[in-house]
């Protein structure tokens, strides 16, 4: 399954996510801190959706209540809702 998540409250604008059998195949951010987001994308590749959520949710960026990694966790929670979990 491939989908695009519109982020909220962060520098990146969108996250394109590809998942197969609850494993992240690819993650690509549009906007934001390019090097950091490429690093996050590579680190989560091959991980289970729930593991990524556990590791990235509630991360804050400076004074913001969220972050680009936390937005990925939110996107994956939305994915879980669509599959009935």
N, C-alpha and C. Protein backbone atom coordinates (compact mmCIF):
# COMPACT_ATOMS: atom_id res chain seq x y z
N UNK A 1 0.85 -1.17 0.00
CA UNK A 1 0.00 0.00 0.00
C UNK A 1 0.90 1.24 0.00
N UNK A 2 0.55 2.19 -0.84
CA UNK A 2 1.27 3.46 -0.90
C UNK A 2 0.28 4.58 -0.62
N UNK A 3 0.69 5.52 0.22
CA UNK A 3 -0.18 6.66 0.49
C UNK A 3 0.65 7.88 0.86
N UNK A 4 0.00 9.04 0.78
CA UNK A 4 0.64 10.31 1.12
C UNK A 4 -0.06 10.89 2.33
N UNK A 5 0.74 11.31 3.30
CA UNK A 5 0.21 11.92 4.52
C UNK A 5 0.58 13.39 4.54
N UNK A 6 -0.41 14.27 4.75
CA UNK A 6 -0.16 15.70 4.85
C UNK A 6 0.20 16.01 6.30
N UNK A 7 1.40 16.52 6.50
CA UNK A 7 1.87 16.81 7.85
C UNK A 7 1.24 18.08 8.39
N UNK A 8 1.37 18.26 9.70
CA UNK A 8 0.79 19.42 10.37
C UNK A 8 1.76 19.93 11.43
N UNK A 9 2.08 21.22 11.39
CA UNK A 9 2.89 21.82 12.44
C UNK A 9 4.38 21.61 12.33
N UNK A 10 4.86 21.17 11.16
CA UNK A 10 6.29 20.92 10.96
C UNK A 10 6.74 21.52 9.63
N UNK A 11 8.04 21.53 9.40
CA UNK A 11 8.59 22.10 8.16
C UNK A 11 8.28 21.25 6.93
N UNK A 12 8.28 19.93 7.09
CA UNK A 12 7.93 19.09 5.94
C UNK A 12 6.44 19.26 5.65
N UNK A 13 6.06 19.05 4.38
CA UNK A 13 4.67 19.25 3.98
C UNK A 13 3.92 17.94 3.78
N UNK A 14 4.62 16.92 3.29
CA UNK A 14 4.00 15.63 3.00
C UNK A 14 4.99 14.51 3.31
N UNK A 15 4.43 13.32 3.56
CA UNK A 15 5.24 12.11 3.67
C UNK A 15 4.63 11.07 2.75
N UNK A 16 5.40 10.57 1.80
CA UNK A 16 4.97 9.47 0.93
C UNK A 16 5.48 8.18 1.55
N UNK A 17 4.57 7.25 1.81
CA UNK A 17 4.89 6.03 2.54
C UNK A 17 4.45 4.82 1.75
N UNK A 18 5.33 3.83 1.67
CA UNK A 18 4.99 2.54 1.05
C UNK A 18 5.16 1.45 2.10
N UNK A 19 4.10 0.65 2.26
CA UNK A 19 4.09 -0.41 3.26
C UNK A 19 3.64 -1.71 2.61
N UNK A 20 4.33 -2.79 2.93
CA UNK A 20 3.92 -4.13 2.49
C UNK A 20 3.97 -5.06 3.69
N UNK A 21 2.88 -5.75 3.96
CA UNK A 21 2.80 -6.70 5.07
C UNK A 21 3.24 -6.06 6.39
N UNK A 22 2.79 -4.83 6.63
CA UNK A 22 3.10 -4.07 7.85
C UNK A 22 4.58 -3.76 8.02
N UNK A 23 5.33 -3.77 6.93
CA UNK A 23 6.75 -3.42 6.94
C UNK A 23 6.93 -2.18 6.05
N UNK A 24 7.67 -1.19 6.54
CA UNK A 24 7.93 0.00 5.74
C UNK A 24 8.92 -0.33 4.63
N UNK A 25 8.49 -0.08 3.40
CA UNK A 25 9.31 -0.31 2.23
C UNK A 25 10.05 0.98 1.86
N UNK A 26 9.34 2.11 1.92
CA UNK A 26 9.99 3.40 1.65
C UNK A 26 9.23 4.52 2.33
N UNK A 27 9.98 5.56 2.68
CA UNK A 27 9.42 6.78 3.27
C UNK A 27 10.15 7.94 2.62
N UNK A 28 9.38 8.90 2.10
CA UNK A 28 9.98 10.07 1.46
C UNK A 28 9.24 11.32 1.92
N UNK A 29 9.99 12.23 2.53
CA UNK A 29 9.43 13.50 2.98
C UNK A 29 9.54 14.54 1.87
N UNK A 30 8.56 15.44 1.80
CA UNK A 30 8.63 16.61 0.94
C UNK A 30 8.77 17.82 1.85
N UNK A 31 9.86 18.56 1.67
CA UNK A 31 10.16 19.69 2.53
C UNK A 31 10.88 19.24 3.78
N UNK A 32 11.21 20.19 4.62
CA UNK A 32 11.87 19.88 5.88
C UNK A 32 13.37 19.81 5.75
N UNK A 33 14.02 19.32 6.77
CA UNK A 33 15.49 19.22 6.85
C UNK A 33 15.94 18.00 6.06
N UNK A 34 16.36 18.21 4.85
CA UNK A 34 16.61 17.14 3.89
C UNK A 34 17.50 16.02 4.44
N UNK A 35 18.65 16.36 4.97
CA UNK A 35 19.57 15.33 5.45
C UNK A 35 19.00 14.51 6.58
N UNK A 36 18.41 15.18 7.57
CA UNK A 36 17.82 14.47 8.71
C UNK A 36 16.69 13.56 8.27
N UNK A 37 15.86 14.05 7.38
CA UNK A 37 14.71 13.26 6.95
C UNK A 37 15.11 12.09 6.06
N UNK A 38 16.18 12.25 5.29
CA UNK A 38 16.71 11.10 4.54
C UNK A 38 17.21 10.04 5.52
N UNK A 39 17.87 10.50 6.58
CA UNK A 39 18.37 9.57 7.60
C UNK A 39 17.25 8.80 8.26
N UNK A 40 16.20 9.50 8.67
CA UNK A 40 15.05 8.84 9.29
C UNK A 40 14.45 7.83 8.32
N UNK A 41 14.30 8.25 7.06
CA UNK A 41 13.70 7.37 6.05
C UNK A 41 14.50 6.08 5.89
N UNK A 42 15.80 6.19 5.89
CA UNK A 42 16.65 5.00 5.74
C UNK A 42 16.62 4.12 6.99
N UNK A 43 16.57 4.76 8.15
CA UNK A 43 16.57 3.99 9.40
C UNK A 43 15.29 3.18 9.59
N UNK A 44 14.15 3.71 9.14
CA UNK A 44 12.89 3.00 9.36
C UNK A 44 12.59 1.98 8.26
N UNK A 45 13.31 2.04 7.16
CA UNK A 45 13.09 1.08 6.08
C UNK A 45 13.30 -0.34 6.60
N UNK A 46 12.33 -1.20 6.34
CA UNK A 46 12.40 -2.59 6.79
C UNK A 46 11.86 -2.83 8.19
N UNK A 47 11.44 -1.77 8.88
CA UNK A 47 10.89 -1.92 10.23
C UNK A 47 9.39 -2.16 10.17
N UNK A 48 8.86 -2.79 11.22
CA UNK A 48 7.43 -2.98 11.35
C UNK A 48 6.77 -1.66 11.72
N UNK A 49 5.57 -1.47 11.22
CA UNK A 49 4.82 -0.24 11.45
C UNK A 49 4.74 0.08 12.94
N UNK A 50 4.34 -0.87 13.76
CA UNK A 50 4.16 -0.62 15.19
C UNK A 50 5.47 -0.28 15.90
N UNK A 51 6.59 -0.83 15.45
CA UNK A 51 7.89 -0.48 16.02
C UNK A 51 8.25 0.97 15.74
N UNK A 52 7.96 1.41 14.53
CA UNK A 52 8.26 2.79 14.15
C UNK A 52 7.39 3.75 14.98
N UNK A 53 6.12 3.43 15.12
CA UNK A 53 5.23 4.26 15.93
C UNK A 53 5.78 4.38 17.35
N UNK A 54 6.14 3.25 17.94
CA UNK A 54 6.64 3.23 19.32
C UNK A 54 7.88 4.10 19.48
N UNK A 55 8.78 4.05 18.52
CA UNK A 55 10.04 4.79 18.62
C UNK A 55 9.89 6.28 18.33
N UNK A 56 8.96 6.66 17.45
CA UNK A 56 8.92 8.04 16.97
C UNK A 56 7.81 8.91 17.53
N UNK A 57 6.76 8.30 18.10
CA UNK A 57 5.67 9.14 18.57
C UNK A 57 6.12 10.02 19.74
N UNK A 58 5.53 11.17 19.82
CA UNK A 58 5.77 12.15 20.90
C UNK A 58 7.13 12.82 20.87
N UNK A 59 7.90 12.67 19.79
CA UNK A 59 9.15 13.43 19.65
C UNK A 59 8.78 14.87 19.33
N UNK A 60 9.43 15.79 19.99
CA UNK A 60 9.18 17.22 19.79
C UNK A 60 10.34 17.84 19.03
N UNK A 61 10.06 18.90 18.28
CA UNK A 61 11.09 19.65 17.56
C UNK A 61 11.12 21.06 18.14
N UNK A 62 12.15 21.35 18.93
CA UNK A 62 12.26 22.67 19.54
C UNK A 62 11.05 22.98 20.38
N UNK A 63 10.42 24.12 20.12
CA UNK A 63 9.25 24.57 20.87
C UNK A 63 7.95 23.97 20.36
N UNK A 64 8.00 23.25 19.27
CA UNK A 64 6.80 22.67 18.67
C UNK A 64 6.32 21.46 19.46
N UNK A 65 5.03 21.18 19.38
CA UNK A 65 4.46 20.02 20.06
C UNK A 65 4.63 18.73 19.27
N UNK A 66 5.22 18.81 18.09
CA UNK A 66 5.39 17.65 17.23
C UNK A 66 6.74 17.76 16.51
N UNK A 67 6.99 16.84 15.60
CA UNK A 67 8.21 16.83 14.81
C UNK A 67 7.95 16.03 13.54
N UNK A 68 8.88 16.06 12.62
CA UNK A 68 8.73 15.25 11.42
C UNK A 68 8.69 13.75 11.74
N UNK A 69 9.53 13.26 12.67
CA UNK A 69 9.41 11.85 13.05
C UNK A 69 8.05 11.54 13.69
N UNK A 70 7.57 12.42 14.56
CA UNK A 70 6.27 12.20 15.20
C UNK A 70 5.15 12.21 14.17
N UNK A 71 5.29 13.02 13.13
CA UNK A 71 4.28 13.05 12.07
C UNK A 71 4.25 11.72 11.32
N UNK A 72 5.41 11.09 11.16
CA UNK A 72 5.44 9.76 10.55
C UNK A 72 4.69 8.77 11.43
N UNK A 73 4.88 8.85 12.74
CA UNK A 73 4.15 7.97 13.66
C UNK A 73 2.64 8.19 13.53
N UNK A 74 2.21 9.45 13.42
CA UNK A 74 0.79 9.73 13.24
C UNK A 74 0.27 9.17 11.93
N UNK A 75 1.05 9.30 10.87
CA UNK A 75 0.66 8.74 9.58
C UNK A 75 0.47 7.23 9.68
N UNK A 76 1.38 6.57 10.40
CA UNK A 76 1.30 5.12 10.53
C UNK A 76 0.14 4.70 11.43
N UNK A 77 -0.22 5.52 12.39
CA UNK A 77 -1.42 5.24 13.19
C UNK A 77 -2.66 5.32 12.31
N UNK A 78 -2.68 6.29 11.40
CA UNK A 78 -3.80 6.39 10.45
C UNK A 78 -3.85 5.14 9.56
N UNK A 79 -2.69 4.69 9.13
CA UNK A 79 -2.61 3.46 8.33
C UNK A 79 -3.22 2.30 9.12
N UNK A 80 -2.85 2.16 10.39
CA UNK A 80 -3.39 1.07 11.22
C UNK A 80 -4.91 1.14 11.30
N UNK A 81 -5.47 2.33 11.38
CA UNK A 81 -6.93 2.49 11.43
C UNK A 81 -7.58 1.98 10.15
N UNK A 82 -6.94 2.22 9.01
CA UNK A 82 -7.54 1.82 7.74
C UNK A 82 -7.54 0.31 7.55
N UNK A 83 -6.63 -0.37 8.23
CA UNK A 83 -6.59 -1.83 8.08
C UNK A 83 -7.35 -2.55 9.18
N UNK A 84 -7.97 -1.78 10.08
CA UNK A 84 -8.85 -2.38 11.07
C UNK A 84 -8.20 -2.68 12.40
N UNK A 85 -6.97 -2.20 12.62
CA UNK A 85 -6.34 -2.42 13.94
C UNK A 85 -6.75 -1.36 14.93
